[in-house]
Amino acid sequence: MKIVLASNNRGKLAELQSMFAPLGVELVRQADLGVGEAEEPFRTFVENALAKARFASAHTGLPALADDAGMCVDAFGGLPGVDTAYYCTQFGYEKNDDNNVRALLEQLQGVDNRRAAMVSTLVAVRSPQDPEPLIAVGRVVGEITEEPRGSNGFGFDPVMFIPEFGKTFAELPVEVKNAHSHRGRSAQHMLELMRTHWLQK
Protein backbone atom coordinates (compact mmCIF):
# COMPACT_ATOMS: atom_id res chain seq x y z
CA MET A 1 0.00 0.00 0.00
CA LYS A 2 1.39 3.39 -0.99
CA ILE A 3 0.63 6.38 1.24
CA VAL A 4 1.72 9.96 0.64
CA LEU A 5 3.39 11.59 3.65
CA ALA A 6 2.17 15.17 3.94
CA SER A 7 5.56 16.47 5.01
CA ASN A 8 8.85 17.35 3.35
CA ASN A 9 10.82 16.78 6.55
CA ARG A 10 13.39 14.03 5.85
CA GLY A 11 13.78 13.32 9.56
CA LYS A 12 10.08 12.59 9.90
CA LEU A 13 10.09 10.44 6.75
CA ALA A 14 12.99 8.30 7.98
CA GLU A 15 11.39 7.84 11.43
CA LEU A 16 7.93 7.00 10.12
CA GLN A 17 9.16 4.80 7.25
CA SER A 18 10.88 2.43 9.67
CA MET A 19 7.85 2.38 11.97
CA PHE A 20 5.37 1.60 9.19
CA ALA A 21 7.56 -1.03 7.48
CA PRO A 22 5.85 -3.95 9.32
CA LEU A 23 2.52 -3.09 7.64
CA GLY A 24 4.03 -3.27 4.17
CA VAL A 25 3.20 0.41 3.73
CA GLU A 26 5.40 2.52 1.47
CA LEU A 27 5.54 6.17 2.49
CA VAL A 28 6.29 8.70 -0.25
CA ARG A 29 7.09 12.34 0.52
CA GLN A 30 4.64 14.74 -1.09
CA ALA A 31 7.54 16.76 -2.51
CA ASP A 32 8.65 13.70 -4.47
CA LEU A 33 5.20 13.75 -6.11
CA GLY A 34 5.39 17.45 -6.92
CA VAL A 35 3.08 18.57 -4.12
CA GLY A 36 3.81 21.77 -2.19
CA GLU A 37 3.07 22.60 1.43
CA ALA A 38 -0.53 22.92 2.65
CA GLU A 39 -1.79 25.91 4.59
CA GLU A 40 -1.78 25.36 8.36
CA PRO A 41 -4.07 28.10 9.67
CA PHE A 42 -5.37 26.34 12.78
CA ARG A 43 -4.35 26.55 16.44
CA THR A 44 -4.57 22.81 17.22
CA PHE A 45 -2.38 19.94 16.05
CA VAL A 46 -5.32 17.79 14.96
CA GLU A 47 -6.88 20.45 12.71
CA ASN A 48 -3.58 21.23 11.00
CA ALA A 49 -2.72 17.55 10.50
CA LEU A 50 -6.15 16.91 9.00
CA ALA A 51 -5.78 19.89 6.63
CA LYS A 52 -2.36 18.62 5.51
CA ALA A 53 -3.60 15.05 4.98
CA ARG A 54 -6.63 16.16 2.93
CA PHE A 55 -4.45 18.50 0.84
CA ALA A 56 -1.87 15.77 0.06
CA SER A 57 -4.56 13.23 -0.80
CA ALA A 58 -6.40 15.71 -3.04
CA HIS A 59 -3.22 16.47 -5.01
CA THR A 60 -2.02 12.87 -5.40
CA GLY A 61 -5.12 10.67 -5.42
CA LEU A 62 -3.45 8.52 -2.74
CA PRO A 63 -4.31 7.86 0.89
CA ALA A 64 -2.38 10.37 2.99
CA LEU A 65 -0.70 10.53 6.38
CA ALA A 66 0.10 13.82 8.07
CA ASP A 67 1.86 14.62 11.32
CA ASP A 68 1.55 17.85 13.23
CA ALA A 69 3.83 17.94 16.20
CA GLY A 70 5.28 20.40 18.60
CA MET A 71 6.61 21.36 21.97
CA CYS A 72 4.12 22.44 24.64
CA VAL A 73 5.91 24.25 27.48
CA ASP A 74 4.05 24.55 30.78
CA ALA A 75 5.62 27.92 31.67
CA PHE A 76 4.38 29.36 28.36
CA GLY A 77 0.79 28.13 28.75
CA GLY A 78 1.33 25.27 26.30
CA LEU A 79 3.10 27.31 23.63
CA PRO A 80 4.84 27.23 21.17
CA GLY A 81 2.50 24.34 20.22
CA VAL A 82 1.55 24.50 16.54
CA ASP A 83 4.14 27.28 15.99
CA THR A 84 7.05 25.11 17.19
CA ALA A 85 8.84 24.90 13.81
CA TYR A 86 8.90 28.70 13.56
CA TYR A 87 9.43 29.39 17.27
CA CYS A 88 12.77 31.18 16.93
CA THR A 89 11.61 33.56 14.19
CA GLN A 90 9.58 35.63 16.67
CA PHE A 91 12.87 36.47 18.39
CA GLY A 92 14.65 37.54 15.20
CA TYR A 93 16.40 34.26 14.42
CA GLU A 94 16.42 32.47 11.07
CA LYS A 95 14.22 29.33 11.09
CA ASN A 96 16.22 26.18 11.92
CA ASP A 97 16.49 23.57 14.67
CA ASP A 98 19.59 25.04 16.35
CA ASN A 99 18.03 28.49 16.57
CA ASN A 100 14.80 27.04 17.96
CA VAL A 101 16.77 25.36 20.74
CA ARG A 102 18.76 28.55 21.38
CA ALA A 103 15.60 30.69 21.59
CA LEU A 104 13.86 28.22 23.92
CA LEU A 105 16.79 28.13 26.33
CA GLU A 106 17.01 31.93 26.30
CA GLN A 107 13.30 32.30 27.07
CA LEU A 108 13.54 29.79 29.93
CA GLN A 109 16.49 31.48 31.64
CA GLY A 110 15.62 31.95 35.30
CA VAL A 111 12.39 29.93 34.97
CA ASP A 112 12.02 27.17 37.56
CA ASN A 113 9.15 25.26 35.91
CA ARG A 114 10.85 23.55 32.96
CA ARG A 115 8.18 20.89 32.42
CA ALA A 116 7.19 20.37 28.80
CA ALA A 117 5.44 17.85 26.57
CA MET A 118 6.31 16.85 23.04
CA VAL A 119 3.12 16.01 21.18
CA SER A 120 2.65 14.24 17.85
CA THR A 121 -0.76 14.05 16.20
CA LEU A 122 -0.98 11.73 13.19
CA VAL A 123 -3.99 11.88 10.89
CA ALA A 124 -4.61 9.48 7.99
CA VAL A 125 -7.28 9.75 5.29
CA ARG A 126 -8.21 7.32 2.51
CA SER A 127 -9.34 10.19 0.28
CA PRO A 128 -9.68 13.98 0.49
CA GLN A 129 -13.32 13.67 1.61
CA ASP A 130 -12.82 10.74 4.01
CA PRO A 131 -15.53 11.21 6.70
CA GLU A 132 -13.67 8.94 9.10
CA PRO A 133 -10.06 10.11 9.41
CA LEU A 134 -7.83 8.02 11.64
CA ILE A 135 -6.39 10.12 14.48
CA ALA A 136 -3.55 9.02 16.77
CA VAL A 137 -1.92 11.16 19.44
CA GLY A 138 1.41 10.49 21.14
CA ARG A 139 2.65 12.54 24.08
CA VAL A 140 5.85 12.47 26.11
CA VAL A 141 6.39 14.62 29.19
CA GLY A 142 9.84 15.70 30.30
CA GLU A 143 11.88 18.72 31.29
CA ILE A 144 13.88 21.23 29.28
CA THR A 145 17.58 20.99 30.11
CA GLU A 146 19.84 24.00 30.71
CA GLU A 147 21.91 23.17 27.63
CA PRO A 148 21.81 20.78 24.63
CA ARG A 149 22.98 17.19 25.23
CA GLY A 150 23.47 14.41 22.69
CA SER A 151 23.75 14.27 18.91
CA ASN A 152 20.95 11.91 17.82
CA GLY A 153 17.57 13.10 16.66
CA PHE A 154 16.48 16.53 15.48
CA GLY A 155 14.34 19.48 16.60
CA PHE A 156 14.23 19.87 20.38
CA ASP A 157 15.59 16.35 21.05
CA PRO A 158 18.88 17.67 22.56
CA VAL A 159 17.06 19.64 25.30
CA MET A 160 14.14 17.29 26.01
CA PHE A 161 15.14 15.36 29.15
CA ILE A 162 13.12 12.19 29.73
CA PRO A 163 13.14 11.24 33.44
CA GLU A 164 12.42 7.53 32.84
CA PHE A 165 15.68 7.23 30.87
CA GLY A 166 17.70 9.87 32.70
CA LYS A 167 18.75 11.25 29.31
CA THR A 168 17.64 13.62 26.58
CA PHE A 169 16.07 12.18 23.45
CA ALA A 170 19.25 13.09 21.57
CA GLU A 171 21.34 10.96 23.96
CA LEU A 172 19.28 7.81 23.35
CA PRO A 173 20.02 5.24 20.63
CA VAL A 174 17.79 5.94 17.64
CA GLU A 175 15.80 2.70 18.01
CA VAL A 176 15.07 3.44 21.69
CA LYS A 177 14.06 7.01 20.92
CA ASN A 178 11.81 5.93 18.04
CA ALA A 179 10.04 3.40 20.26
CA HIS A 180 9.38 5.87 23.10
CA SER A 181 9.13 9.28 21.44
CA HIS A 182 5.89 11.22 20.96
CA ARG A 183 6.02 10.28 17.26
CA GLY A 184 6.85 6.68 18.12
CA ARG A 185 3.79 6.49 20.36
CA SER A 186 1.44 8.11 17.86
CA ALA A 187 2.82 5.89 15.06
CA GLN A 188 2.25 2.71 17.10
CA HIS A 189 -1.33 3.80 17.74
CA MET A 190 -1.80 4.67 14.05
CA LEU A 191 -0.47 1.25 13.00
CA GLU A 192 -3.17 -0.40 15.12
CA LEU A 193 -5.85 1.89 13.66
CA MET A 194 -4.75 1.18 10.08
CA ARG A 195 -4.67 -2.56 10.74
CA THR A 196 -8.21 -2.62 12.09
CA HIS A 197 -9.83 0.06 9.89
CA TRP A 198 -8.04 -0.16 6.53
CA LEU A 199 -6.22 -3.46 6.13
CA GLN A 200 -8.37 -6.22 7.62
CA LYS A 201 -10.17 -8.20 4.94
Foldseek 3Di string as FASTA:
>chain_A
DEAEELDPDPLVQVLLQVLCVVVVYHYHYLVVVVDDHFDQPDQAFVVSQLRSQLRSCAVPVAKYKYKQKAKQWVVVVGPPHSCQQVCQVVVPDDGFQVSSLVVVLVVCVPPPRFKMKIKMWMWIAGHSPRPDIDIFMFMAIAGFANDFDAQDDTHSQRGGQHVVVRHGLRNDDPVVSLCRPRVNRRSVVVSVVCVVPPNDD
